[in-house]
């Protein structure tokens, strides 16, 4: 079996309109090139970016920005719509298997597209292994819990292992080399580079071939780059912008954003979002509000790990067990 089927059904794809369409509404080619140089590749993105930020793109005056916005508004109408239309949009959401049937069950089918899912926990509880497993399951046919799509993997800690992708691919009878070809990898050197990588993703995502973005981990670079006295406020502002962008691309391109996160001790164990052992995910309220689904991972008995669904707009709080094996994340009964 090849890693990605070529005949992806259109019912999972959102209405992606390339910025080149603006040329039919009076926007010249040079201005379209400036938009692309600024990381804007679709009409949807033009509409979601503020005029203030569009004006920051080199060569775009306020008058040009007004004209571009007006042209984009003629292509895609923005404003109130009947809830039935939003229901149709939500029906395009796909569930990507984690590799564990028990975990998929408490998540309502798996990791959902069009939203951000965050897993957090201490080391060796399976965060990165789950990310590796998702790189493979995303490429599976839908009837097997996949999304028939490609993966963009942003690695901030140097823990990505392509050999693990090949091992997990064999579990699902996928071609290991083809599976690796469908994973676009980037090593984020710092928080600025991390944000730039997401900005540059727009061109790839506009193809409609991607179904998953992995960010492993979301906070590592931010914790290093903003560690001085009085820098927390600036860090949170930058983080908020970064998460807003990730949320926007998740909705616009119907991809799942899967983020791993670190934990820190909370001696008082009284802070919001803290777990029973006094540990809480880093990132504060900014990260908590951006993540639609939050999952706490912790060590269990022996080889078992425990996943607790702490926050979800669709499912109740619940937990299950899983194990980390040669084939990635699996159920303890396998």
Protein backbone atom coordinates (compact mmCIF):
# COMPACT_ATOMS: atom_id res chain seq x y z
CA UNK A 1 0.00 0.00 0.00
CA UNK A 2 1.29 3.47 -0.80
CA UNK A 3 1.32 6.07 1.94
CA UNK A 4 -1.17 8.55 0.48
CA UNK A 5 -4.01 7.82 -1.88
CA UNK A 6 -4.09 10.20 -4.83
CA UNK A 7 -7.85 10.42 -5.21
CA UNK A 8 -8.59 12.42 -2.09
CA UNK A 9 -12.31 13.08 -1.84
CA UNK A 10 -13.24 16.72 -2.11
CA UNK A 11 -15.72 16.60 0.78
CA UNK A 12 -12.82 16.91 3.25
CA UNK A 13 -11.33 19.93 1.52
CA UNK A 14 -12.25 23.47 2.38
CA UNK A 15 -12.74 26.11 -0.30
CA UNK A 16 -9.13 27.12 -0.93
CA UNK A 17 -8.84 30.01 -3.41
CA UNK A 18 -5.36 31.05 -4.49
CA UNK A 19 -4.49 34.76 -4.33
CA UNK A 20 -3.87 34.66 -8.09
CA UNK A 21 -7.67 34.86 -8.41
CA UNK A 22 -7.40 38.50 -7.28
CA UNK A 23 -5.88 39.30 -10.68
CA UNK A 24 -9.39 38.93 -12.15
CA UNK A 25 -10.51 41.75 -9.84
CA UNK A 26 -7.90 44.34 -10.79
CA UNK A 27 -4.92 43.37 -8.60
CA UNK A 28 -1.69 43.37 -10.62
CA UNK A 29 0.81 40.52 -10.68
CA UNK A 30 3.55 42.46 -8.85
CA UNK A 31 1.26 43.08 -5.86
CA UNK A 32 0.28 39.39 -5.82
CA UNK A 33 3.97 38.50 -5.66
CA UNK A 34 4.36 40.85 -2.71
CA UNK A 35 1.50 39.08 -0.92
CA UNK A 36 3.15 35.71 -1.49
CA UNK A 37 6.50 37.06 -0.30
CA UNK A 38 4.66 38.09 2.87
CA UNK A 39 3.38 34.53 3.39
CA UNK A 40 -0.13 35.12 2.03
CA UNK A 41 -1.17 32.58 -0.58
CA UNK A 42 -4.97 32.40 -0.37
CA UNK A 43 -7.90 34.81 -0.53
CA UNK A 44 -9.07 33.52 2.86
CA UNK A 45 -5.79 34.62 4.40
CA UNK A 46 -6.08 38.07 2.80
CA UNK A 47 -9.45 38.48 4.51
CA UNK A 48 -8.24 37.24 7.91
CA UNK A 49 -5.11 39.42 8.06
CA UNK A 50 -5.72 42.95 9.33
CA UNK A 51 -5.14 45.96 7.07
CA UNK A 52 -2.51 47.10 9.53
CA UNK A 53 -0.47 43.92 9.05
CA UNK A 54 -0.97 43.89 5.29
CA UNK A 55 0.46 47.41 5.20
CA UNK A 56 3.63 46.06 6.81
CA UNK A 57 4.36 44.02 3.67
CA UNK A 58 7.05 45.79 1.69
CA UNK A 59 5.64 47.65 -1.30
CA UNK A 60 1.98 47.63 -0.26
CA UNK A 61 0.63 51.10 0.46
CA UNK A 62 -2.57 51.77 2.39
CA UNK A 63 -4.37 52.45 -0.90
CA UNK A 64 -3.21 49.12 -2.37
CA UNK A 65 -4.24 47.28 0.80
CA UNK A 66 -7.74 48.77 0.58
CA UNK A 67 -8.00 47.66 -3.05
CA UNK A 68 -6.77 44.13 -2.23
CA UNK A 69 -9.23 43.80 0.65
CA UNK A 70 -12.09 45.02 -1.51
CA UNK A 71 -11.23 42.53 -4.26
CA UNK A 72 -11.00 39.65 -1.77
CA UNK A 73 -14.41 40.59 -0.37
CA UNK A 74 -15.94 40.26 -3.83
CA UNK A 75 -14.65 36.68 -4.11
CA UNK A 76 -15.57 35.47 -0.62
CA UNK A 77 -18.45 37.04 1.25
CA UNK A 78 -17.76 37.48 4.96
CA UNK A 79 -20.37 38.04 7.63
CA UNK A 80 -23.27 36.13 9.15
CA UNK A 81 -24.29 32.83 7.57
CA UNK A 82 -27.04 30.31 8.42
CA UNK A 83 -25.94 27.76 11.01
CA UNK A 84 -26.79 25.04 8.48
CA UNK A 85 -23.87 26.22 6.33
CA UNK A 86 -21.54 26.05 9.33
CA UNK A 87 -22.84 22.52 9.98
CA UNK A 88 -21.85 21.54 6.44
CA UNK A 89 -18.39 22.99 7.03
CA UNK A 90 -18.04 21.04 10.29
CA UNK A 91 -18.96 17.82 8.49
CA UNK A 92 -15.64 18.09 6.64
CA UNK A 93 -13.78 17.53 9.91
CA UNK A 94 -11.67 14.35 9.91
CA UNK A 95 -10.55 12.21 12.86
CA UNK A 96 -6.93 11.03 12.73
CA UNK A 97 -6.17 7.89 14.71
CA UNK A 98 -3.61 8.08 17.52
CA UNK A 99 -2.78 4.40 17.06
CA UNK A 100 -4.72 3.45 20.22
CA UNK A 101 -8.38 2.49 19.84
CA UNK A 102 -9.05 3.33 23.49
CA UNK A 103 -7.58 6.80 23.15
CA UNK A 104 -9.40 7.36 19.87
CA UNK A 105 -12.63 6.43 21.63
CA UNK A 106 -12.36 8.99 24.43
CA UNK A 107 -11.41 11.64 21.82
CA UNK A 108 -14.51 10.94 19.76
CA UNK A 109 -12.60 9.22 16.95
CA UNK A 110 -9.09 10.67 17.16
CA UNK A 111 -7.25 13.95 16.67
CA UNK A 112 -9.63 16.35 14.90
CA UNK A 113 -8.85 18.56 11.92
CA UNK A 114 -9.81 22.26 11.98
CA UNK A 115 -8.57 22.65 15.56
CA UNK A 116 -5.56 22.52 17.89
CA UNK A 117 -4.92 19.48 20.10
CA UNK A 118 -2.34 19.76 22.86
CA UNK A 119 -0.78 16.85 24.76
CA UNK A 120 1.34 17.59 27.80
CA UNK A 121 3.19 15.56 30.39
CA UNK A 122 6.60 14.69 31.78
CA UNK A 123 9.36 12.98 29.76
CA UNK A 124 8.91 9.41 28.49
CA UNK A 125 5.12 9.50 28.63
CA UNK A 126 4.68 9.25 24.85
CA UNK A 127 4.22 12.80 23.51
CA UNK A 128 6.77 12.55 20.70
CA UNK A 129 5.91 8.91 20.01
CA UNK A 130 2.28 9.93 19.52
CA UNK A 131 3.44 12.63 17.09
CA UNK A 132 5.41 10.01 15.13
CA UNK A 133 2.44 7.65 15.06
CA UNK A 134 0.17 10.42 13.76
CA UNK A 135 2.65 11.09 10.94
CA UNK A 136 1.77 7.62 9.66
CA UNK A 137 -1.93 7.31 10.51
CA UNK A 138 -2.65 10.64 8.81
CA UNK A 139 -1.66 9.02 5.53
CA UNK A 140 -4.02 6.06 5.91
CA UNK A 141 -7.37 5.71 4.09
CA UNK A 142 -10.26 7.20 6.02
CA UNK A 143 -11.83 3.83 6.74
CA UNK A 144 -8.64 3.00 8.69
CA UNK A 145 -8.70 6.22 10.72
CA UNK A 146 -6.56 8.29 8.39
CA UNK A 147 -6.86 11.51 6.46
CA UNK A 148 -5.22 10.47 3.16
CA UNK A 149 -2.95 13.48 3.49
CA UNK A 150 0.56 14.75 4.07
CA UNK A 151 2.20 15.98 7.27
CA UNK A 152 4.25 19.07 8.18
CA UNK A 153 6.49 18.38 11.19
CA UNK A 154 8.17 21.27 13.06
CA UNK A 155 10.77 19.96 15.51
CA UNK A 156 11.94 22.35 18.24
CA UNK A 157 13.89 19.88 20.40
CA UNK A 158 15.69 17.67 17.90
CA UNK A 159 13.68 14.56 18.79
CA UNK A 160 12.27 13.66 15.35
CA UNK A 161 13.37 10.20 14.25
CA UNK A 162 12.59 9.21 10.63
CA UNK A 163 13.51 5.61 11.41
CA UNK A 164 10.54 5.48 13.79
CA UNK A 165 8.25 6.60 10.95
CA UNK A 166 9.49 3.65 8.90
CA UNK A 167 8.89 1.20 11.77
CA UNK A 168 5.35 2.45 12.36
CA UNK A 169 4.62 2.45 8.61
CA UNK A 170 5.31 -1.30 8.52
CA UNK A 171 2.64 -1.83 11.18
CA UNK A 172 0.05 -0.48 8.73
CA UNK A 173 1.58 -2.17 5.66
CA UNK A 174 2.56 1.18 4.16
CA UNK A 175 5.61 1.74 2.00
CA UNK A 176 8.11 3.18 4.57
CA UNK A 177 9.99 5.33 2.04
CA UNK A 178 6.79 6.70 0.50
CA UNK A 179 5.57 7.45 4.01
CA UNK A 180 8.68 9.50 4.76
CA UNK A 181 8.33 11.37 1.47
CA UNK A 182 4.92 12.60 2.64
CA UNK A 183 6.32 14.13 5.85
CA UNK A 184 7.79 17.62 5.39
CA UNK A 185 10.30 18.19 8.21
CA UNK A 186 11.83 21.39 9.60
CA UNK A 187 14.05 21.99 12.63
CA UNK A 188 13.03 25.25 14.35
CA UNK A 189 16.19 26.97 15.59
CA UNK A 190 14.48 29.55 17.82
CA UNK A 191 11.04 31.03 18.49
CA UNK A 192 11.34 33.53 15.62
CA UNK A 193 12.28 30.78 13.19
CA UNK A 194 9.43 28.66 14.54
CA UNK A 195 6.93 31.42 13.75
CA UNK A 196 8.48 31.99 10.30
CA UNK A 197 8.12 28.29 9.46
CA UNK A 198 4.39 28.44 10.15
CA UNK A 199 4.08 31.57 8.00
CA UNK A 200 5.84 29.82 5.12
CA UNK A 201 3.56 26.78 5.41
CA UNK A 202 0.77 28.65 3.63
CA UNK A 203 2.11 27.82 0.16
CA UNK A 204 2.25 24.06 0.86
CA UNK A 205 -1.09 23.99 2.67
CA UNK A 206 -2.82 25.80 -0.19
CA UNK A 207 -2.35 22.63 -2.28
CA UNK A 208 -4.99 20.93 -0.11
CA UNK A 209 -2.78 17.85 0.30
CA UNK A 210 -1.92 18.30 3.98
CA UNK A 211 -3.97 17.03 6.91
CA UNK A 212 -1.64 17.43 9.90
CA UNK A 213 0.80 19.93 11.39
CA UNK A 214 2.94 18.64 14.27
CA UNK A 215 4.63 21.11 16.64
CA UNK A 216 6.99 19.20 18.95
CA UNK A 217 7.15 21.05 21.24
CA UNK A 218 5.26 24.33 21.23
CA UNK A 219 6.99 26.04 24.19
CA UNK A 220 10.63 24.85 24.16
CA UNK A 221 12.03 27.74 22.08
CA UNK A 222 9.85 30.38 23.75
CA UNK A 223 11.07 29.32 27.22
CA UNK A 224 14.69 29.71 26.12
CA UNK A 225 14.30 32.95 24.16
CA UNK A 226 12.26 34.75 26.83
CA UNK A 227 13.82 33.78 30.14
CA UNK A 228 14.94 37.18 31.43
CA UNK A 229 13.31 39.31 34.07
CA UNK A 230 10.29 41.16 32.72
CA UNK A 231 10.14 39.21 29.44
CA UNK A 232 7.09 37.09 30.24
CA UNK A 233 4.62 39.61 28.86
CA UNK A 234 6.47 39.86 25.53
CA UNK A 235 6.72 36.08 25.35
CA UNK A 236 2.99 35.65 25.83
CA UNK A 237 2.21 38.25 23.17
CA UNK A 238 4.43 36.49 20.64
CA UNK A 239 3.00 33.11 21.65
CA UNK A 240 -0.53 34.43 21.23
CA UNK A 241 0.25 35.60 17.67
CA UNK A 242 1.83 32.23 16.88
CA UNK A 243 -1.16 30.26 18.19
CA UNK A 244 -3.61 32.52 16.37
CA UNK A 245 -1.82 31.73 13.11
CA UNK A 246 -1.89 27.98 13.83
CA UNK A 247 -5.60 28.13 14.65
CA UNK A 248 -6.30 30.05 11.47
CA UNK A 249 -4.48 27.59 9.19
CA UNK A 250 -6.19 24.67 10.95
CA UNK A 251 -9.60 26.07 10.02
CA UNK A 252 -8.70 27.45 6.62
CA UNK A 253 -6.97 24.32 5.28
CA UNK A 254 -8.84 21.62 7.26
CA UNK A 255 -5.70 20.33 8.97
CA UNK A 256 -5.19 19.08 12.51
CA UNK A 257 -2.61 20.93 14.60
CA UNK A 258 -1.02 18.55 17.11
CA UNK A 259 1.19 20.22 19.72
CA UNK A 260 3.25 18.62 22.45
CA UNK A 261 3.97 20.65 25.57
CA UNK A 262 6.19 20.54 28.61
CA UNK A 263 5.07 20.67 32.24
CA UNK A 264 6.30 22.60 35.24
CA UNK A 265 5.88 22.10 38.95
CA UNK A 266 3.18 23.94 40.83
CA UNK A 267 3.96 23.39 44.55
CA UNK A 268 0.64 24.87 45.61
CA UNK A 269 -1.23 22.73 43.07
CA UNK A 270 -3.86 25.45 43.14
CA UNK A 271 -3.34 27.04 39.73
CA UNK A 272 -5.89 26.52 37.02
CA UNK A 273 -5.15 23.53 34.76
CA UNK A 274 -2.80 21.91 37.30
CA UNK A 275 -2.98 18.11 37.53
CA UNK A 276 -3.33 16.05 40.68
CA UNK A 277 0.46 15.61 41.05
CA UNK A 278 1.03 19.37 41.11
CA UNK A 279 2.30 19.63 37.52
CA UNK A 280 0.79 21.94 34.94
CA UNK A 281 1.46 22.68 31.27
CA UNK A 282 3.61 25.71 30.54
CA UNK A 283 2.25 28.55 28.43
CA UNK A 284 -0.39 29.87 30.82
CA UNK A 285 -3.87 31.00 29.83
CA UNK A 286 -2.79 32.00 26.31
CA UNK A 287 -2.00 28.40 25.43
CA UNK A 288 -4.93 27.00 27.41
CA UNK A 289 -7.46 29.07 25.46
CA UNK A 290 -5.88 28.31 22.07
CA UNK A 291 -6.01 24.54 22.51
CA UNK A 292 -9.46 23.16 21.72
CA UNK A 293 -8.48 19.75 23.13
CA UNK A 294 -6.01 19.18 25.99
CA UNK A 295 -4.72 15.76 26.97
CA UNK A 296 -2.57 14.98 30.02
CA UNK A 297 -0.19 12.05 29.54
CA UNK A 298 1.41 10.35 32.52
CA UNK A 299 3.17 7.12 33.42
CA UNK A 300 1.08 4.20 34.63
CA UNK A 301 1.86 0.70 35.88
CA UNK A 302 4.76 -1.07 34.20
CA UNK A 303 4.83 -0.24 30.50
CA UNK A 304 1.41 1.39 30.57
CA UNK A 305 0.80 5.08 30.07
CA UNK A 306 -2.36 6.98 31.01
CA UNK A 307 -4.06 9.62 28.86
CA UNK A 308 -6.59 11.91 30.52
CA UNK A 309 -8.80 14.10 28.37
CA UNK A 310 -8.92 17.33 30.38
CA UNK A 311 -10.62 19.69 27.97
CA UNK A 312 -12.67 19.14 24.82
CA UNK A 313 -15.57 20.95 23.15
CA UNK A 314 -17.06 17.61 22.07
CA UNK A 315 -16.26 14.93 24.66
CA UNK A 316 -16.51 14.58 28.48
CA UNK A 317 -13.47 14.33 30.74
CA UNK A 318 -12.22 10.74 30.70
CA UNK A 319 -9.03 8.68 30.76
CA UNK A 320 -7.63 5.49 29.24
CA UNK A 321 -4.38 3.50 29.08
CA UNK A 322 -2.02 2.86 26.17
CA UNK A 323 1.52 1.62 25.64
CA UNK A 324 4.53 2.79 23.64
CA UNK A 325 5.90 -0.02 21.50
CA UNK A 326 8.06 -0.59 18.44
CA UNK A 327 4.96 0.08 16.34
CA UNK A 328 4.25 3.41 18.01
CA UNK A 329 1.26 4.11 20.23
CA UNK A 330 -0.89 1.00 20.71
CA UNK A 331 -3.42 -0.49 23.14
CA UNK A 332 -2.13 -2.60 26.02
CA UNK A 333 -4.11 -5.58 24.67
CA UNK A 334 -2.24 -5.62 21.32
